[in-house]
Amino acid sequence: MYSSTRQSKASDSQETVMRLATGSAVVIFSVSTCCMCHAVKRLFCGMGVNPSVHEIDQDPNGKEIERALMTLLGSPSAMPVVFIGGKLVGTMDRVMASHINGTLVPLLKDAGALWL
């Protein structure tokens, strides 16, 4: 019974993550004291994007959300985790690589987060 309760909770957390991830054009799962999270939030704001930010350290279900994000990423959690247009982009390294190689702006435009 414990195992099925645990699986149910994990499934609920994944559903919560996906619901939140599709709620805005750009969604950032963050930790309020993380410098990398701050940097990615500043990147998007500097581009004129207004991301929806979910500070998991301030959420009562933050640990479950973090586990669901780890499952989606397929690796130990690293914050921030970014979704654009409801699709998982990844952590800071993926966002910065997309920014550097020029694919971030088209993603943001396609998601309706950037109009220029």
N, C-alpha and C. Protein backbone atom coordinates (compact mmCIF):
# COMPACT_ATOMS: atom_id res chain seq x y z
N MET A 1 0.82 -1.19 0.00
CA MET A 1 0.00 0.00 0.00
C MET A 1 0.86 1.25 0.00
N TYR A 2 1.95 1.24 0.75
CA TYR A 2 2.84 2.39 0.82
C TYR A 2 3.38 2.73 -0.57
N SER A 3 3.74 1.71 -1.34
CA SER A 3 4.28 1.91 -2.67
C SER A 3 3.25 2.56 -3.59
N SER A 4 2.00 2.12 -3.56
CA SER A 4 0.98 2.70 -4.43
C SER A 4 0.66 4.13 -4.01
N THR A 5 0.72 4.42 -2.71
CA THR A 5 0.51 5.79 -2.24
C THR A 5 1.64 6.68 -2.73
N ARG A 6 2.84 6.17 -2.67
CA ARG A 6 4.01 6.92 -3.14
C ARG A 6 3.91 7.18 -4.64
N GLN A 7 3.51 6.17 -5.42
CA GLN A 7 3.36 6.33 -6.86
C GLN A 7 2.26 7.32 -7.18
N SER A 8 1.18 7.29 -6.43
CA SER A 8 0.07 8.21 -6.63
C SER A 8 0.52 9.65 -6.37
N LYS A 9 1.30 9.85 -5.31
CA LYS A 9 1.81 11.17 -4.97
C LYS A 9 2.75 11.67 -6.05
N ALA A 10 3.60 10.78 -6.58
CA ALA A 10 4.52 11.14 -7.66
C ALA A 10 3.74 11.53 -8.91
N SER A 11 2.70 10.78 -9.21
CA SER A 11 1.87 11.08 -10.38
C SER A 11 1.18 12.42 -10.21
N ASP A 12 0.66 12.69 -9.03
CA ASP A 12 0.02 13.97 -8.74
C ASP A 12 1.01 15.12 -8.90
N SER A 13 2.25 14.91 -8.44
CA SER A 13 3.27 15.95 -8.55
C SER A 13 3.64 16.21 -10.00
N GLN A 14 3.73 15.16 -10.80
CA GLN A 14 4.02 15.35 -12.22
C GLN A 14 2.89 16.08 -12.92
N GLU A 15 1.66 15.76 -12.55
CA GLU A 15 0.51 16.48 -13.11
C GLU A 15 0.55 17.94 -12.71
N THR A 16 0.91 18.21 -11.46
CA THR A 16 1.03 19.59 -10.98
C THR A 16 2.08 20.34 -11.78
N VAL A 17 3.24 19.73 -11.96
CA VAL A 17 4.32 20.36 -12.73
C VAL A 17 3.83 20.67 -14.14
N MET A 18 3.20 19.73 -14.80
CA MET A 18 2.76 19.95 -16.18
C MET A 18 1.65 21.00 -16.24
N ARG A 19 0.79 21.03 -15.26
CA ARG A 19 -0.27 22.06 -15.22
C ARG A 19 0.36 23.44 -15.08
N LEU A 20 1.32 23.56 -14.16
CA LEU A 20 2.01 24.84 -13.96
C LEU A 20 2.83 25.21 -15.19
N ALA A 21 3.48 24.21 -15.80
CA ALA A 21 4.36 24.46 -16.95
C ALA A 21 3.60 24.94 -18.18
N THR A 22 2.34 24.61 -18.27
CA THR A 22 1.54 25.04 -19.41
C THR A 22 0.69 26.26 -19.10
N GLY A 23 0.83 26.80 -17.90
CA GLY A 23 0.02 27.95 -17.48
C GLY A 23 0.47 29.28 -18.04
N SER A 24 1.69 29.38 -18.52
CA SER A 24 2.23 30.62 -19.08
C SER A 24 3.19 30.27 -20.22
N ALA A 25 3.51 31.28 -21.03
CA ALA A 25 4.42 31.04 -22.15
C ALA A 25 5.80 30.61 -21.67
N VAL A 26 6.29 31.22 -20.58
CA VAL A 26 7.58 30.85 -20.01
C VAL A 26 7.37 30.60 -18.52
N VAL A 27 7.78 29.42 -18.08
CA VAL A 27 7.64 29.03 -16.69
C VAL A 27 9.00 28.60 -16.17
N ILE A 28 9.36 29.17 -15.01
CA ILE A 28 10.64 28.84 -14.38
C ILE A 28 10.36 28.25 -13.01
N PHE A 29 10.86 27.04 -12.78
CA PHE A 29 10.85 26.46 -11.45
C PHE A 29 12.19 26.83 -10.84
N SER A 30 12.14 27.49 -9.69
CA SER A 30 13.31 28.14 -9.13
C SER A 30 13.42 27.89 -7.64
N VAL A 31 14.59 28.22 -7.10
CA VAL A 31 14.81 28.27 -5.65
C VAL A 31 15.19 29.72 -5.36
N SER A 32 14.49 30.33 -4.44
CA SER A 32 14.63 31.78 -4.23
C SER A 32 16.04 32.24 -3.87
N THR A 33 16.86 31.36 -3.30
CA THR A 33 18.21 31.75 -2.90
C THR A 33 19.29 31.31 -3.88
N CYS A 34 18.91 30.77 -5.02
CA CYS A 34 19.85 30.22 -5.99
C CYS A 34 20.32 31.31 -6.97
N CYS A 35 21.64 31.49 -7.07
CA CYS A 35 22.19 32.52 -7.97
C CYS A 35 21.93 32.18 -9.43
N MET A 36 21.96 30.91 -9.80
CA MET A 36 21.69 30.52 -11.18
C MET A 36 20.22 30.80 -11.55
N CYS A 37 19.33 30.58 -10.59
CA CYS A 37 17.92 30.89 -10.81
C CYS A 37 17.74 32.39 -11.02
N HIS A 38 18.41 33.17 -10.20
CA HIS A 38 18.34 34.62 -10.32
C HIS A 38 18.84 35.04 -11.70
N ALA A 39 19.94 34.45 -12.16
CA ALA A 39 20.53 34.80 -13.45
C ALA A 39 19.57 34.49 -14.60
N VAL A 40 18.91 33.35 -14.57
CA VAL A 40 18.02 33.00 -15.68
C VAL A 40 16.77 33.88 -15.64
N LYS A 41 16.29 34.23 -14.46
CA LYS A 41 15.15 35.15 -14.36
C LYS A 41 15.53 36.51 -14.94
N ARG A 42 16.74 36.99 -14.63
CA ARG A 42 17.22 38.27 -15.15
C ARG A 42 17.39 38.22 -16.67
N LEU A 43 17.85 37.09 -17.19
CA LEU A 43 17.99 36.93 -18.63
C LEU A 43 16.65 37.14 -19.33
N PHE A 44 15.64 36.44 -18.87
CA PHE A 44 14.33 36.56 -19.50
C PHE A 44 13.74 37.96 -19.32
N CYS A 45 13.83 38.51 -18.14
CA CYS A 45 13.30 39.86 -17.90
C CYS A 45 14.05 40.88 -18.75
N GLY A 46 15.36 40.71 -18.91
CA GLY A 46 16.15 41.59 -19.74
C GLY A 46 15.78 41.52 -21.21
N MET A 47 15.20 40.42 -21.62
CA MET A 47 14.76 40.25 -23.01
C MET A 47 13.34 40.76 -23.21
N GLY A 48 12.70 41.20 -22.13
CA GLY A 48 11.33 41.67 -22.21
C GLY A 48 10.29 40.58 -22.02
N VAL A 49 10.72 39.45 -21.51
CA VAL A 49 9.82 38.32 -21.26
C VAL A 49 9.41 38.37 -19.78
N ASN A 50 8.14 38.12 -19.54
CA ASN A 50 7.63 38.11 -18.17
C ASN A 50 7.32 36.66 -17.77
N PRO A 51 8.31 35.93 -17.25
CA PRO A 51 8.08 34.51 -16.94
C PRO A 51 7.22 34.33 -15.69
N SER A 52 6.55 33.22 -15.65
CA SER A 52 5.86 32.80 -14.44
C SER A 52 6.89 32.02 -13.63
N VAL A 53 7.14 32.45 -12.40
CA VAL A 53 8.19 31.84 -11.57
C VAL A 53 7.54 31.12 -10.40
N HIS A 54 7.95 29.87 -10.21
CA HIS A 54 7.47 29.07 -9.08
C HIS A 54 8.67 28.76 -8.19
N GLU A 55 8.71 29.42 -7.05
CA GLU A 55 9.80 29.22 -6.09
C GLU A 55 9.48 27.97 -5.27
N ILE A 56 10.13 26.85 -5.62
CA ILE A 56 9.75 25.59 -4.99
C ILE A 56 10.15 25.53 -3.52
N ASP A 57 11.13 26.33 -3.10
CA ASP A 57 11.50 26.33 -1.69
C ASP A 57 10.46 27.05 -0.83
N GLN A 58 9.54 27.76 -1.46
CA GLN A 58 8.48 28.45 -0.74
C GLN A 58 7.13 27.77 -0.92
N ASP A 59 7.14 26.64 -1.59
CA ASP A 59 5.92 25.88 -1.84
C ASP A 59 5.85 24.71 -0.87
N PRO A 60 4.71 24.52 -0.20
CA PRO A 60 4.60 23.40 0.74
C PRO A 60 4.81 22.04 0.07
N ASN A 61 4.58 21.95 -1.23
CA ASN A 61 4.78 20.71 -1.98
C ASN A 61 6.08 20.76 -2.78
N GLY A 62 6.99 21.62 -2.40
CA GLY A 62 8.22 21.84 -3.15
C GLY A 62 9.07 20.60 -3.35
N LYS A 63 9.19 19.77 -2.32
CA LYS A 63 10.01 18.55 -2.44
C LYS A 63 9.42 17.59 -3.47
N GLU A 64 8.10 17.45 -3.48
CA GLU A 64 7.45 16.58 -4.46
C GLU A 64 7.61 17.15 -5.87
N ILE A 65 7.49 18.47 -6.00
CA ILE A 65 7.67 19.11 -7.30
C ILE A 65 9.10 18.90 -7.77
N GLU A 66 10.06 19.05 -6.87
CA GLU A 66 11.46 18.84 -7.24
C GLU A 66 11.70 17.41 -7.72
N ARG A 67 11.10 16.42 -7.04
CA ARG A 67 11.24 15.02 -7.47
C ARG A 67 10.61 14.81 -8.85
N ALA A 68 9.46 15.44 -9.09
CA ALA A 68 8.81 15.32 -10.41
C ALA A 68 9.69 15.95 -11.49
N LEU A 69 10.33 17.07 -11.18
CA LEU A 69 11.23 17.72 -12.14
C LEU A 69 12.44 16.83 -12.42
N MET A 70 12.96 16.17 -11.38
CA MET A 70 14.09 15.26 -11.55
C MET A 70 13.71 14.13 -12.50
N THR A 71 12.50 13.62 -12.34
CA THR A 71 12.02 12.54 -13.21
C THR A 71 11.92 13.03 -14.66
N LEU A 72 11.36 14.22 -14.85
CA LEU A 72 11.24 14.78 -16.20
C LEU A 72 12.60 15.02 -16.84
N LEU A 73 13.55 15.51 -16.04
CA LEU A 73 14.89 15.79 -16.55
C LEU A 73 15.69 14.51 -16.79
N GLY A 74 15.34 13.47 -16.04
CA GLY A 74 16.09 12.23 -16.13
C GLY A 74 17.45 12.31 -15.45
N SER A 75 17.57 13.24 -14.53
CA SER A 75 18.83 13.42 -13.81
C SER A 75 18.56 14.10 -12.48
N PRO A 76 19.56 14.10 -11.61
CA PRO A 76 19.38 14.82 -10.34
C PRO A 76 19.02 16.27 -10.61
N SER A 77 18.17 16.79 -9.78
CA SER A 77 17.65 18.12 -9.99
C SER A 77 18.72 19.20 -9.91
N ALA A 78 18.64 20.09 -10.83
CA ALA A 78 19.44 21.31 -10.81
C ALA A 78 18.46 22.43 -11.12
N MET A 79 18.51 23.45 -10.36
CA MET A 79 17.61 24.57 -10.59
C MET A 79 18.38 25.67 -11.30
N PRO A 80 17.73 26.42 -12.12
CA PRO A 80 16.30 26.44 -12.44
C PRO A 80 15.95 25.41 -13.51
N VAL A 81 14.66 25.13 -13.61
CA VAL A 81 14.14 24.30 -14.69
C VAL A 81 13.15 25.17 -15.47
N VAL A 82 13.35 25.26 -16.79
CA VAL A 82 12.60 26.18 -17.62
C VAL A 82 11.74 25.44 -18.64
N PHE A 83 10.50 25.91 -18.75
CA PHE A 83 9.57 25.43 -19.78
C PHE A 83 9.20 26.63 -20.65
N ILE A 84 9.20 26.44 -21.95
CA ILE A 84 8.77 27.48 -22.88
C ILE A 84 7.70 26.87 -23.78
N GLY A 85 6.55 27.53 -23.80
CA GLY A 85 5.44 27.01 -24.60
C GLY A 85 4.97 25.66 -24.12
N GLY A 86 5.11 25.41 -22.83
CA GLY A 86 4.68 24.14 -22.25
C GLY A 86 5.66 23.00 -22.46
N LYS A 87 6.78 23.28 -23.14
CA LYS A 87 7.78 22.24 -23.41
C LYS A 87 9.00 22.44 -22.53
N LEU A 88 9.52 21.35 -22.04
CA LEU A 88 10.70 21.38 -21.19
C LEU A 88 11.91 21.81 -22.02
N VAL A 89 12.53 22.92 -21.61
CA VAL A 89 13.79 23.35 -22.24
C VAL A 89 14.94 22.74 -21.46
N GLY A 90 14.85 22.81 -20.14
CA GLY A 90 15.88 22.21 -19.30
C GLY A 90 16.38 23.17 -18.25
N THR A 91 17.61 22.93 -17.84
CA THR A 91 18.21 23.73 -16.78
C THR A 91 19.01 24.89 -17.39
N MET A 92 19.72 25.59 -16.56
CA MET A 92 20.46 26.79 -16.96
C MET A 92 21.37 26.54 -18.16
N ASP A 93 22.07 25.41 -18.18
CA ASP A 93 23.00 25.15 -19.28
C ASP A 93 22.28 25.07 -20.63
N ARG A 94 21.11 24.46 -20.65
CA ARG A 94 20.33 24.35 -21.89
C ARG A 94 19.80 25.72 -22.33
N VAL A 95 19.33 26.50 -21.36
CA VAL A 95 18.80 27.83 -21.67
C VAL A 95 19.92 28.71 -22.24
N MET A 96 21.08 28.70 -21.60
CA MET A 96 22.19 29.52 -22.06
C MET A 96 22.71 29.05 -23.42
N ALA A 97 22.77 27.74 -23.63
CA ALA A 97 23.19 27.22 -24.94
C ALA A 97 22.22 27.67 -26.03
N SER A 98 20.93 27.65 -25.73
CA SER A 98 19.92 28.11 -26.70
C SER A 98 20.06 29.60 -26.97
N HIS A 99 20.36 30.35 -25.92
CA HIS A 99 20.55 31.79 -26.08
C HIS A 99 21.77 32.07 -26.96
N ILE A 100 22.85 31.38 -26.69
CA ILE A 100 24.10 31.59 -27.43
C ILE A 100 23.99 31.15 -28.89
N ASN A 101 23.33 30.01 -29.13
CA ASN A 101 23.26 29.53 -30.52
C ASN A 101 22.11 30.14 -31.32
N GLY A 102 21.34 31.04 -30.69
CA GLY A 102 20.31 31.77 -31.41
C GLY A 102 18.96 31.09 -31.51
N THR A 103 18.75 30.00 -30.79
CA THR A 103 17.45 29.31 -30.89
C THR A 103 16.47 29.73 -29.80
N LEU A 104 16.93 30.50 -28.81
CA LEU A 104 16.04 30.89 -27.71
C LEU A 104 14.98 31.90 -28.17
N VAL A 105 15.38 32.92 -28.91
CA VAL A 105 14.42 33.94 -29.36
C VAL A 105 13.31 33.33 -30.21
N PRO A 106 13.62 32.48 -31.20
CA PRO A 106 12.52 31.86 -31.95
C PRO A 106 11.59 31.02 -31.06
N LEU A 107 12.14 30.32 -30.07
CA LEU A 107 11.29 29.55 -29.13
C LEU A 107 10.35 30.49 -28.40
N LEU A 108 10.88 31.61 -27.93
CA LEU A 108 10.06 32.58 -27.20
C LEU A 108 9.00 33.20 -28.09
N LYS A 109 9.34 33.49 -29.34
CA LYS A 109 8.36 34.04 -30.28
C LYS A 109 7.26 33.03 -30.56
N ASP A 110 7.64 31.78 -30.80
CA ASP A 110 6.65 30.73 -31.08
C ASP A 110 5.70 30.52 -29.91
N ALA A 111 6.20 30.71 -28.70
CA ALA A 111 5.37 30.53 -27.50
C ALA A 111 4.52 31.75 -27.19
N GLY A 112 4.75 32.85 -27.90
CA GLY A 112 4.00 34.08 -27.65
C GLY A 112 4.53 34.88 -26.49
N ALA A 113 5.77 34.62 -26.10
CA ALA A 113 6.38 35.33 -24.96
C ALA A 113 7.16 36.56 -25.41
N LEU A 114 7.44 36.63 -26.69
CA LEU A 114 8.26 37.72 -27.23
C LEU A 114 7.68 38.10 -28.59
N TRP A 115 7.53 39.37 -28.80
CA TRP A 115 6.88 39.82 -30.05
C TRP A 115 7.83 40.49 -31.01
N LEU A 116 9.00 40.88 -30.58
CA LEU A 116 9.94 41.60 -31.45
C LEU A 116 10.79 40.68 -32.27
